[in-house]
Amino acid sequence: MPSFITSTTIIRTNLAALLASCVAVSFTASALPAAPLKDVLSLKEACQQIAIEDQLPEAEVSAFLLDCVNDQLTEMGYERIASLD
């Protein structure tokens, strides 16, 4: 019996920790401000220049731009964006 109680306790503890982590991540993600449009456009332009310099294939440019802009937004303390459209 003691091993069953221990296993149940461990499972409950892990589930509680997971729930607390999800709540913390959700709160943190929603707590970040949205970047001003002019900043997003400026970052997109800079990332486009990098794509040109690195001679990225056209098929990879869109994904690169979104990742590049989001990396910079994250570093600046802004919320990530879903698309550049």
Protein backbone atom coordinates (compact mmCIF):
# COMPACT_ATOMS: atom_id res chain seq x y z
CA MET A 1 0.00 0.00 0.00
CA PRO A 2 2.66 2.61 0.81
CA SER A 3 4.05 2.54 -2.75
CA PHE A 4 0.54 3.20 -4.15
CA ILE A 5 0.09 6.16 -1.84
CA THR A 6 3.51 7.45 -2.82
CA SER A 7 2.74 7.07 -6.52
CA THR A 8 -0.61 8.84 -6.13
CA THR A 9 1.01 11.64 -4.18
CA ILE A 10 3.70 12.07 -6.80
CA ILE A 11 1.13 12.12 -9.61
CA ARG A 12 -0.98 14.71 -7.79
CA THR A 13 2.06 16.84 -7.08
CA ASN A 14 3.15 16.70 -10.72
CA LEU A 15 -0.34 17.59 -11.94
CA ALA A 16 -0.51 20.53 -9.54
CA ALA A 17 2.89 21.75 -10.71
CA LEU A 18 1.85 21.41 -14.35
CA LEU A 19 -1.34 23.36 -13.74
CA ALA A 20 0.55 26.10 -11.91
CA SER A 21 3.06 26.31 -14.77
CA CYS A 22 0.31 26.59 -17.37
CA VAL A 23 -1.38 29.37 -15.43
CA ALA A 24 1.92 31.22 -15.02
CA VAL A 25 2.77 30.91 -18.72
CA SER A 26 -0.72 32.02 -19.72
CA PHE A 27 -0.52 35.04 -17.44
CA THR A 28 2.96 35.96 -18.64
CA ALA A 29 2.03 35.68 -22.32
CA SER A 30 -1.01 37.90 -21.93
CA ALA A 31 0.90 40.39 -19.77
CA LEU A 32 3.23 41.43 -22.61
CA PRO A 33 2.23 44.54 -24.55
CA ALA A 34 1.64 44.50 -28.28
CA ALA A 35 4.36 46.24 -30.29
CA PRO A 36 3.49 49.44 -32.13
CA LEU A 37 2.91 48.85 -35.84
CA LYS A 38 5.82 51.11 -36.79
CA ASP A 39 8.19 48.92 -34.75
CA VAL A 40 6.89 45.72 -36.39
CA LEU A 41 7.29 47.26 -39.84
CA SER A 42 10.80 48.44 -39.01
CA LEU A 43 11.79 44.99 -37.75
CA LYS A 44 10.28 43.36 -40.84
CA GLU A 45 12.35 45.64 -43.06
CA ALA A 46 15.54 44.82 -41.16
CA CYS A 47 14.78 41.10 -41.34
CA GLN A 48 14.09 41.37 -45.08
CA GLN A 49 17.53 42.91 -45.51
CA ILE A 50 19.08 39.97 -43.64
CA ALA A 51 17.18 37.53 -45.87
CA ILE A 52 18.52 39.29 -48.95
CA GLU A 53 22.09 39.34 -47.63
CA ASP A 54 21.87 35.65 -46.69
CA GLN A 55 20.37 34.87 -50.12
CA LEU A 56 17.56 32.80 -48.64
CA PRO A 57 15.47 30.83 -51.12
CA GLU A 58 12.12 32.53 -51.80
CA ALA A 59 10.23 29.57 -50.30
CA GLU A 60 11.93 30.14 -46.92
CA VAL A 61 11.63 33.92 -46.68
CA SER A 62 8.13 34.17 -45.16
CA ALA A 63 8.88 31.77 -42.31
CA PHE A 64 12.26 33.42 -41.73
CA LEU A 65 10.71 36.90 -41.55
CA LEU A 66 8.10 35.85 -39.00
CA ASP A 67 10.69 34.09 -36.83
CA CYS A 68 13.13 36.97 -37.13
CA VAL A 69 10.54 39.62 -36.22
CA ASN A 70 9.20 37.53 -33.32
CA ASP A 71 12.71 36.97 -31.95
CA GLN A 72 13.28 40.72 -31.93
CA LEU A 73 9.86 41.44 -30.41
CA THR A 74 10.58 38.96 -27.63
CA GLU A 75 13.93 40.60 -26.90
CA MET A 76 12.20 43.98 -26.78
CA GLY A 77 9.60 42.70 -24.30
CA TYR A 78 6.67 42.70 -26.72
CA GLU A 79 4.08 40.06 -27.48
CA ARG A 80 4.82 37.77 -30.42
CA ILE A 81 2.70 38.10 -33.54
CA ALA A 82 0.93 35.36 -35.50
CA SER A 83 1.58 36.72 -38.98
CA LEU A 84 3.11 39.61 -40.88
CA ASP A 85 0.11 40.12 -43.17
